Amino acid sequence: MAKGRNQHVVRHSEGWAVKGAGNTKATKVVDTQKEAIQIAEEIAKNQQSDTKVHGRNGRIRAGNSYGNDPFPPRDKK
């Protein structure tokens, strides 16, 4: 289970935003999605939570878990 709030990367009127799950305000707003993903990953690692990357259409397109996953992947990348 994740300890902190999952970090979502979402579109924002000024670019891309990193928002904690359930938060109304963005933690950080940046110009590029790549930069927002890097920030979200740092926060998720510190909080042992997950990242959820949303595409331009608002749907989740990717994500990673940095918490204590009870069902880790079996493949060895």
PDB file of N, CA and C in Angstrom:
ATOM      1  N   MET A   1       0.841  -1.187   0.000  1.00  0.00           N
ATOM      2  CA  MET A   1       0.000   0.000   0.000  1.00  0.00           C
ATOM      3  C   MET A   1       0.885   1.250   0.000  1.00  0.00           C
ATOM      4  N   ALA A   2       0.428   2.236  -0.677  1.00  0.00           N
ATOM      5  CA  ALA A   2       1.152   3.492  -0.739  1.00  0.00           C
ATOM      6  C   ALA A   2       1.007   4.233   0.589  1.00  0.00           C
ATOM      7  N   LYS A   3       2.082   4.905   0.981  1.00  0.00           N
ATOM      8  CA  LYS A   3       2.056   5.657   2.232  1.00  0.00           C
ATOM      9  C   LYS A   3       1.579   7.087   2.017  1.00  0.00           C
ATOM     10  N   GLY A   4       2.004   7.718   0.920  1.00  0.00           N
ATOM     11  CA  GLY A   4       1.629   9.095   0.647  1.00  0.00           C
ATOM     12  C   GLY A   4       0.545   9.158  -0.410  1.00  0.00           C
ATOM     13  N   ARG A   5       0.269  10.359  -0.866  1.00  0.00           N
ATOM     14  CA  ARG A   5      -0.737  10.556  -1.915  1.00  0.00           C
ATOM     15  C   ARG A   5      -0.131  10.241  -3.273  1.00  0.00           C
ATOM     16  N   ASN A   6      -0.910   9.581  -4.125  1.00  0.00           N
ATOM     17  CA  ASN A   6      -0.467   9.349  -5.487  1.00  0.00           C
ATOM     18  C   ASN A   6      -0.297  10.693  -6.185  1.00  0.00           C
ATOM     19  N   GLN A   7       0.700  10.792  -7.046  1.00  0.00           N
ATOM     20  CA  GLN A   7       1.004  12.022  -7.756  1.00  0.00           C
ATOM     21  C   GLN A   7       0.523  11.912  -9.194  1.00  0.00           C
ATOM     22  N   HIS A   8      -0.345  12.832  -9.595  1.00  0.00           N
ATOM     23  CA  HIS A   8      -0.918  12.827 -10.931  1.00  0.00           C
ATOM     24  C   HIS A   8      -0.284  13.933 -11.770  1.00  0.00           C
ATOM     25  N   VAL A   9       0.060  13.603 -13.013  1.00  0.00           N
ATOM     26  CA  VAL A   9       0.552  14.580 -13.979  1.00  0.00           C
ATOM     27  C   VAL A   9      -0.605  14.859 -14.930  1.00  0.00           C
ATOM     28  N   VAL A  10      -1.092  16.104 -14.924  1.00  0.00           N
ATOM     29  CA  VAL A  10      -2.291  16.461 -15.696  1.00  0.00           C
ATOM     30  C   VAL A  10      -2.077  17.753 -16.490  1.00  0.00           C
ATOM     31  N   ARG A  11      -2.895  17.933 -17.538  1.00  0.00           N
ATOM     32  CA  ARG A  11      -2.862  19.174 -18.312  1.00  0.00           C
ATOM     33  C   ARG A  11      -3.302  20.333 -17.419  1.00  0.00           C
ATOM     34  N   HIS A  12      -2.747  21.488 -17.716  1.00  0.00           N
ATOM     35  CA  HIS A  12      -3.048  22.706 -16.961  1.00  0.00           C
ATOM     36  C   HIS A  12      -3.096  23.843 -17.964  1.00  0.00           C
ATOM     37  N   SER A  13      -3.808  24.882 -17.648  1.00  0.00           N
ATOM     38  CA  SER A  13      -3.924  26.009 -18.581  1.00  0.00           C
ATOM     39  C   SER A  13      -2.567  26.638 -18.896  1.00  0.00           C
ATOM     40  N   GLU A  14      -1.597  26.460 -18.014  1.00  0.00           N
ATOM     41  CA  GLU A  14      -0.266  27.035 -18.220  1.00  0.00           C
ATOM     42  C   GLU A  14       0.773  25.974 -18.586  1.00  0.00           C
ATOM     43  N   GLY A  15       0.347  24.763 -18.927  1.00  0.00           N
ATOM     44  CA  GLY A  15       1.284  23.694 -19.296  1.00  0.00           C
ATOM     45  C   GLY A  15       0.854  22.367 -18.698  1.00  0.00           C
ATOM     46  N   TRP A  16       1.693  21.839 -17.807  1.00  0.00           N
ATOM     47  CA  TRP A  16       1.418  20.567 -17.142  1.00  0.00           C
ATOM     48  C   TRP A  16       1.565  20.748 -15.643  1.00  0.00           C
ATOM     49  N   ALA A  17       0.732  20.051 -14.884  1.00  0.00           N
ATOM     50  CA  ALA A  17       0.733  20.207 -13.430  1.00  0.00           C
ATOM     51  C   ALA A  17       0.954  18.868 -12.740  1.00  0.00           C
ATOM     52  N   VAL A  18       1.572  18.933 -11.575  1.00  0.00           N
ATOM     53  CA  VAL A  18       1.693  17.785 -10.673  1.00  0.00           C
ATOM     54  C   VAL A  18       0.721  18.043  -9.540  1.00  0.00           C
ATOM     55  N   LYS A  19      -0.198  17.102  -9.327  1.00  0.00           N
ATOM     56  CA  LYS A  19      -1.202  17.252  -8.271  1.00  0.00           C
ATOM     57  C   LYS A  19      -1.237  15.992  -7.429  1.00  0.00           C
ATOM     58  N   GLY A  20      -1.278  16.159  -6.121  1.00  0.00           N
ATOM     59  CA  GLY A  20      -1.486  15.029  -5.224  1.00  0.00           C
ATOM     60  C   GLY A  20      -2.933  14.576  -5.330  1.00  0.00           C
ATOM     61  N   ALA A  21      -3.171  13.284  -5.209  1.00  0.00           N
ATOM     62  CA  ALA A  21      -4.525  12.737  -5.305  1.00  0.00           C
ATOM     63  C   ALA A  21      -5.441  13.428  -4.299  1.00  0.00           C
ATOM     64  N   GLY A  22      -6.562  13.912  -4.779  1.00  0.00           N
ATOM     65  CA  GLY A  22      -7.539  14.573  -3.922  1.00  0.00           C
ATOM     66  C   GLY A  22      -7.290  16.053  -3.699  1.00  0.00           C
ATOM     67  N   ASN A  23      -6.154  16.567  -4.131  1.00  0.00           N
ATOM     68  CA  ASN A  23      -5.848  17.993  -3.969  1.00  0.00           C
ATOM     69  C   ASN A  23      -6.548  18.807  -5.047  1.00  0.00           C
ATOM     70  N   THR A  24      -7.002  20.000  -4.689  1.00  0.00           N
ATOM     71  CA  THR A  24      -7.611  20.877  -5.675  1.00  0.00           C
ATOM     72  C   THR A  24      -6.565  21.765  -6.340  1.00  0.00           C
ATOM     73  N   LYS A  25      -5.502  22.090  -5.624  1.00  0.00           N
ATOM     74  CA  LYS A  25      -4.437  22.926  -6.169  1.00  0.00           C
ATOM     75  C   LYS A  25      -3.279  22.066  -6.645  1.00  0.00           C
ATOM     76  N   ALA A  26      -2.600  22.566  -7.661  1.00  0.00           N
ATOM     77  CA  ALA A  26      -1.424  21.877  -8.183  1.00  0.00           C
ATOM     78  C   ALA A  26      -0.237  22.090  -7.243  1.00  0.00           C
ATOM     79  N   THR A  27       0.574  21.047  -7.090  1.00  0.00           N
ATOM     80  CA  THR A  27       1.797  21.159  -6.314  1.00  0.00           C
ATOM     81  C   THR A  27       2.814  21.991  -7.082  1.00  0.00           C
ATOM     82  N   LYS A  28       2.869  21.758  -8.403  1.00  0.00           N
ATOM     83  CA  LYS A  28       3.825  22.465  -9.259  1.00  0.00           C
ATOM     84  C   LYS A  28       3.263  22.505 -10.674  1.00  0.00           C
ATOM     85  N   VAL A  29       3.445  23.626 -11.365  1.00  0.00           N
ATOM     86  CA  VAL A  29       3.047  23.776 -12.763  1.00  0.00           C
ATOM     87  C   VAL A  29       4.302  24.077 -13.570  1.00  0.00           C
ATOM     88  N   VAL A  30       4.507  23.306 -14.653  1.00  0.00           N
ATOM     89  CA  VAL A  30       5.684  23.475 -15.503  1.00  0.00           C
ATOM     90  C   VAL A  30       5.264  23.493 -16.972  1.00  0.00           C
ATOM     91  N   ASP A  31       6.219  23.782 -17.852  1.00  0.00           N
ATOM     92  CA  ASP A  31       5.919  23.901 -19.282  1.00  0.00           C
ATOM     93  C   ASP A  31       5.727  22.560 -19.980  1.00  0.00           C
ATOM     94  N   THR A  32       6.525  21.544 -19.606  1.00  0.00           N
ATOM     95  CA  THR A  32       6.479  20.277 -20.344  1.00  0.00           C
ATOM     96  C   THR A  32       6.003  19.119 -19.479  1.00  0.00           C
ATOM     97  N   GLN A  33       5.414  18.128 -20.150  1.00  0.00           N
ATOM     98  CA  GLN A  33       4.966  16.925 -19.449  1.00  0.00           C
ATOM     99  C   GLN A  33       6.166  16.163 -18.896  1.00  0.00           C
ATOM    100  N   LYS A  34       7.254  16.129 -19.642  1.00  0.00           N
ATOM    101  CA  LYS A  34       8.462  15.417 -19.206  1.00  0.00           C
ATOM    102  C   LYS A  34       8.968  15.961 -17.873  1.00  0.00           C
ATOM    103  N   GLU A  35       9.005  17.271 -17.749  1.00  0.00           N
ATOM    104  CA  GLU A  35       9.446  17.911 -16.513  1.00  0.00           C
ATOM    105  C   GLU A  35       8.486  17.591 -15.360  1.00  0.00           C
ATOM    106  N   ALA A  36       7.195  17.597 -15.646  1.00  0.00           N
ATOM    107  CA  ALA A  36       6.192  17.288 -14.622  1.00  0.00           C
ATOM    108  C   ALA A  36       6.329  15.840 -14.154  1.00  0.00           C
ATOM    109  N   ILE A  37       6.619  14.931 -15.075  1.00  0.00           N
ATOM    110  CA  ILE A  37       6.799  13.521 -14.711  1.00  0.00           C
ATOM    111  C   ILE A  37       7.992  13.359 -13.773  1.00  0.00           C
ATOM    112  N   GLN A  38       9.085  14.045 -14.067  1.00  0.00           N
ATOM    113  CA  GLN A  38      10.273  13.964 -13.218  1.00  0.00           C
ATOM    114  C   GLN A  38       9.970  14.448 -11.798  1.00  0.00           C
ATOM    115  N   ILE A  39       9.245  15.533 -11.687  1.00  0.00           N
ATOM    116  CA  ILE A  39       8.886  16.084 -10.373  1.00  0.00           C
ATOM    117  C   ILE A  39       7.963  15.116  -9.637  1.00  0.00           C
ATOM    118  N   ALA A  40       6.969  14.589 -10.345  1.00  0.00           N
ATOM    119  CA  ALA A  40       6.026  13.646  -9.730  1.00  0.00           C
ATOM    120  C   ALA A  40       6.751  12.389  -9.238  1.00  0.00           C
ATOM    121  N   GLU A  41       7.725  11.902 -10.006  1.00  0.00           N
ATOM    122  CA  GLU A  41       8.478  10.713  -9.602  1.00  0.00           C
ATOM    123  C   GLU A  41       9.289  10.964  -8.345  1.00  0.00           C
ATOM    124  N   GLU A  42       9.910  12.131  -8.245  1.00  0.00           N
ATOM    125  CA  GLU A  42      10.681  12.475  -7.037  1.00  0.00           C
ATOM    126  C   GLU A  42       9.777  12.490  -5.807  1.00  0.00           C
ATOM    127  N   ILE A  43       8.626  13.131  -5.934  1.00  0.00           N
ATOM    128  CA  ILE A  43       7.680  13.213  -4.817  1.00  0.00           C
ATOM    129  C   ILE A  43       7.185  11.820  -4.446  1.00  0.00           C
ATOM    130  N   ALA A  44       6.827  11.018  -5.455  1.00  0.00           N
ATOM    131  CA  ALA A  44       6.310   9.666  -5.203  1.00  0.00           C
ATOM    132  C   ALA A  44       7.357   8.784  -4.535  1.00  0.00           C
ATOM    133  N   LYS A  45       8.604   8.917  -4.939  1.00  0.00           N
ATOM    134  CA  LYS A  45       9.681   8.141  -4.301  1.00  0.00           C
ATOM    135  C   LYS A  45       9.815   8.527  -2.832  1.00  0.00           C
ATOM    136  N   ASN A  46       9.784   9.826  -2.556  1.00  0.00           N
ATOM    137  CA  ASN A  46       9.901  10.305  -1.168  1.00  0.00           C
ATOM    138  C   ASN A  46       8.725   9.852  -0.312  1.00  0.00           C
ATOM    139  N   GLN A  47       7.535   9.812  -0.896  1.00  0.00           N
ATOM    140  CA  GLN A  47       6.326   9.459  -0.148  1.00  0.00           C
ATOM    141  C   GLN A  47       5.975   7.975  -0.251  1.00  0.00           C
ATOM    142  N   GLN A  48       6.753   7.226  -1.021  1.00  0.00           N
ATOM    143  CA  GLN A  48       6.486   5.810  -1.279  1.00  0.00           C
ATOM    144  C   GLN A  48       5.057   5.625  -1.787  1.00  0.00           C
ATOM    145  N   SER A  49       4.753   6.375  -2.853  1.00  0.00           N
ATOM    146  CA  SER A  49       3.412   6.312  -3.452  1.00  0.00           C
ATOM    147  C   SER A  49       3.544   6.013  -4.942  1.00  0.00           C
ATOM    148  N   ASP A  50       2.524   6.319  -5.722  1.00  0.00           N
ATOM    149  CA  ASP A  50       2.500   6.013  -7.146  1.00  0.00           C
ATOM    150  C   ASP A  50       2.436   7.288  -7.975  1.00  0.00           C
ATOM    151  N   THR A  51       2.830   7.159  -9.252  1.00  0.00           N
ATOM    152  CA  THR A  51       2.620   8.239 -10.213  1.00  0.00           C
ATOM    153  C   THR A  51       1.551   7.786 -11.195  1.00  0.00           C
ATOM    154  N   LYS A  52       0.748   8.722 -11.640  1.00  0.00           N
ATOM    155  CA  LYS A  52      -0.281   8.489 -12.654  1.00  0.00           C
ATOM    156  C   LYS A  52      -0.119   9.592 -13.691  1.00  0.00           C
ATOM    157  N   VAL A  53       0.279   9.220 -14.909  1.00  0.00           N
ATOM    158  CA  VAL A  53       0.507  10.194 -15.962  1.00  0.00           C
ATOM    159  C   VAL A  53      -0.706  10.209 -16.882  1.00  0.00           C
ATOM    160  N   HIS A  54      -1.338  11.363 -16.989  1.00  0.00           N
ATOM    161  CA  HIS A  54      -2.517  11.532 -17.827  1.00  0.00           C
ATOM    162  C   HIS A  54      -2.082  12.100 -19.179  1.00  0.00           C
ATOM    163  N   GLY A  55      -2.727  11.643 -20.241  1.00  0.00           N
ATOM    164  CA  GLY A  55      -2.469  12.175 -21.574  1.00  0.00           C
ATOM    165  C   GLY A  55      -3.237  13.459 -21.796  1.00  0.00           C
ATOM    166  N   ARG A  56      -3.120  13.997 -22.993  1.00  0.00           N
ATOM    167  CA  ARG A  56      -3.828  15.237 -23.329  1.00  0.00           C
ATOM    168  C   ARG A  56      -5.340  15.081 -23.211  1.00  0.00           C
ATOM    169  N   ASN A  57      -5.841  13.854 -23.404  1.00  0.00           N
ATOM    170  CA  ASN A  57      -7.289  13.612 -23.325  1.00  0.00           C
ATOM    171  C   ASN A  57      -7.771  13.407 -21.894  1.00  0.00           C
ATOM    172  N   GLY A  58      -6.865  13.431 -20.919  1.00  0.00           N
ATOM    173  CA  GLY A  58      -7.236  13.302 -19.516  1.00  0.00           C
ATOM    174  C   GLY A  58      -7.202  11.887 -18.977  1.00  0.00           C
ATOM    175  N   ARG A  59      -7.056  10.896 -19.851  1.00  0.00           N
ATOM    176  CA  ARG A  59      -7.027   9.499 -19.413  1.00  0.00           C
ATOM    177  C   ARG A  59      -5.624   9.117 -18.948  1.00  0.00           C
ATOM    178  N   ILE A  60      -5.565   8.247 -17.948  1.00  0.00           N
ATOM    179  CA  ILE A  60      -4.273   7.772 -17.461  1.00  0.00           C
ATOM    180  C   ILE A  60      -3.629   6.931 -18.553  1.00  0.00           C
ATOM    181  N   ARG A  61      -2.383   7.261 -18.901  1.00  0.00           N
ATOM    182  CA  ARG A  61      -1.691   6.538 -19.956  1.00  0.00           C
ATOM    183  C   ARG A  61      -0.469   5.794 -19.443  1.00  0.00           C
ATOM    184  N   ALA A  62      -0.005   6.119 -18.245  1.00  0.00           N
ATOM    185  CA  ALA A  62       1.178   5.462 -17.682  1.00  0.00           C
ATOM    186  C   ALA A  62       1.219   5.714 -16.184  1.00  0.00           C
ATOM    187  N   GLY A  63       2.111   5.007 -15.523  1.00  0.00           N
ATOM    188  CA  GLY A  63       2.292   5.205 -14.094  1.00  0.00           C
ATOM    189  C   GLY A  63       3.312   4.241 -13.541  1.00  0.00           C
ATOM    190  N   ASN A  64       3.818   4.552 -12.382  1.00  0.00           N
ATOM    191  CA  ASN A  64       4.775   3.699 -11.684  1.00  0.00           C
ATOM    192  C   ASN A  64       4.457   3.678 -10.209  1.00  0.00           C
ATOM    193  N   SER A  65       4.848   2.587  -9.562  1.00  0.00           N
ATOM    194  CA  SER A  65       4.662   2.457  -8.128  1.00  0.00           C
ATOM    195  C   SER A  65       6.018   2.539  -7.441  1.00  0.00           C
ATOM    196  N   TYR A  66       6.127   3.396  -6.454  1.00  0.00           N
ATOM    197  CA  TYR A  66       7.359   3.535  -5.690  1.00  0.00           C
ATOM    198  C   TYR A  66       7.135   3.148  -4.229  1.00  0.00           C
ATOM    199  N   GLY A  67       6.010   2.504  -3.965  1.00  0.00           N
ATOM    200  CA  GLY A  67       5.684   2.079  -2.611  1.00  0.00           C
ATOM    201  C   GLY A  67       5.998   0.621  -2.403  1.00  0.00           C
ATOM    202  N   ASN A  68       5.463   0.069  -1.364  1.00  0.00           N
ATOM    203  CA  ASN A  68       5.648  -1.335  -1.036  1.00  0.00           C
ATOM    204  C   ASN A  68       4.535  -2.112  -1.730  1.00  0.00           C
ATOM    205  N   ASP A  69       4.752  -2.480  -2.989  1.00  0.00           N
ATOM    206  CA  ASP A  69       3.741  -3.135  -3.820  1.00  0.00           C
ATOM    207  C   ASP A  69       3.549  -4.586  -3.369  1.00  0.00           C
ATOM    208  N   PRO A  70       2.335  -4.974  -2.928  1.00  0.00           N
ATOM    209  CA  PRO A  70       2.111  -6.347  -2.482  1.00  0.00           C
ATOM    210  C   PRO A  70       2.135  -7.354  -3.637  1.00  0.00           C
ATOM    211  N   PHE A  71       2.005  -6.890  -4.872  1.00  0.00           N
ATOM    212  CA  PHE A  71       2.046  -7.761  -6.049  1.00  0.00           C
ATOM    213  C   PHE A  71       3.038  -7.204  -7.066  1.00  0.00           C
ATOM    214  N   PRO A  72       4.352  -7.287  -6.783  1.00  0.00           N
ATOM    215  CA  PRO A  72       5.332  -6.722  -7.705  1.00  0.00           C
ATOM    216  C   PRO A  72       5.337  -7.478  -9.034  1.00  0.00           C
ATOM    217  N   PRO A  73       5.765  -6.831 -10.101  1.00  0.00           N
ATOM    218  CA  PRO A  73       5.807  -7.502 -11.393  1.00  0.00           C
ATOM    219  C   PRO A  73       6.773  -8.676 -11.376  1.00  0.00           C
ATOM    220  N   ARG A  74       6.436  -9.707 -12.141  1.00  0.00           N
ATOM    221  CA  ARG A  74       7.288 -10.895 -12.177  1.00  0.00           C
ATOM    222  C   ARG A  74       8.416 -10.774 -13.181  1.00  0.00           C
ATOM    223  N   ASP A  75       8.213  -9.948 -14.203  1.00  0.00           N
ATOM    224  CA  ASP A  75       9.255  -9.833 -15.212  1.00  0.00           C
ATOM    225  C   ASP A  75      10.439  -9.040 -14.676  1.00  0.00           C
ATOM    226  N   LYS A  76      11.603  -9.413 -15.140  1.00  0.00           N
ATOM    227  CA  LYS A  76      12.834  -8.721 -14.751  1.00  0.00           C
ATOM    228  C   LYS A  76      13.296  -7.883 -15.932  1.00  0.00           C
ATOM    229  N   LYS A  77      12.974  -6.583 -15.908  1.00  0.00           N
ATOM    230  CA  LYS A  77      13.277  -5.704 -17.044  1.00  0.00           C
ATOM    231  C   LYS A  77      14.733  -5.587 -17.281  1.00  0.00           C
TER     232      LYS A  77
END
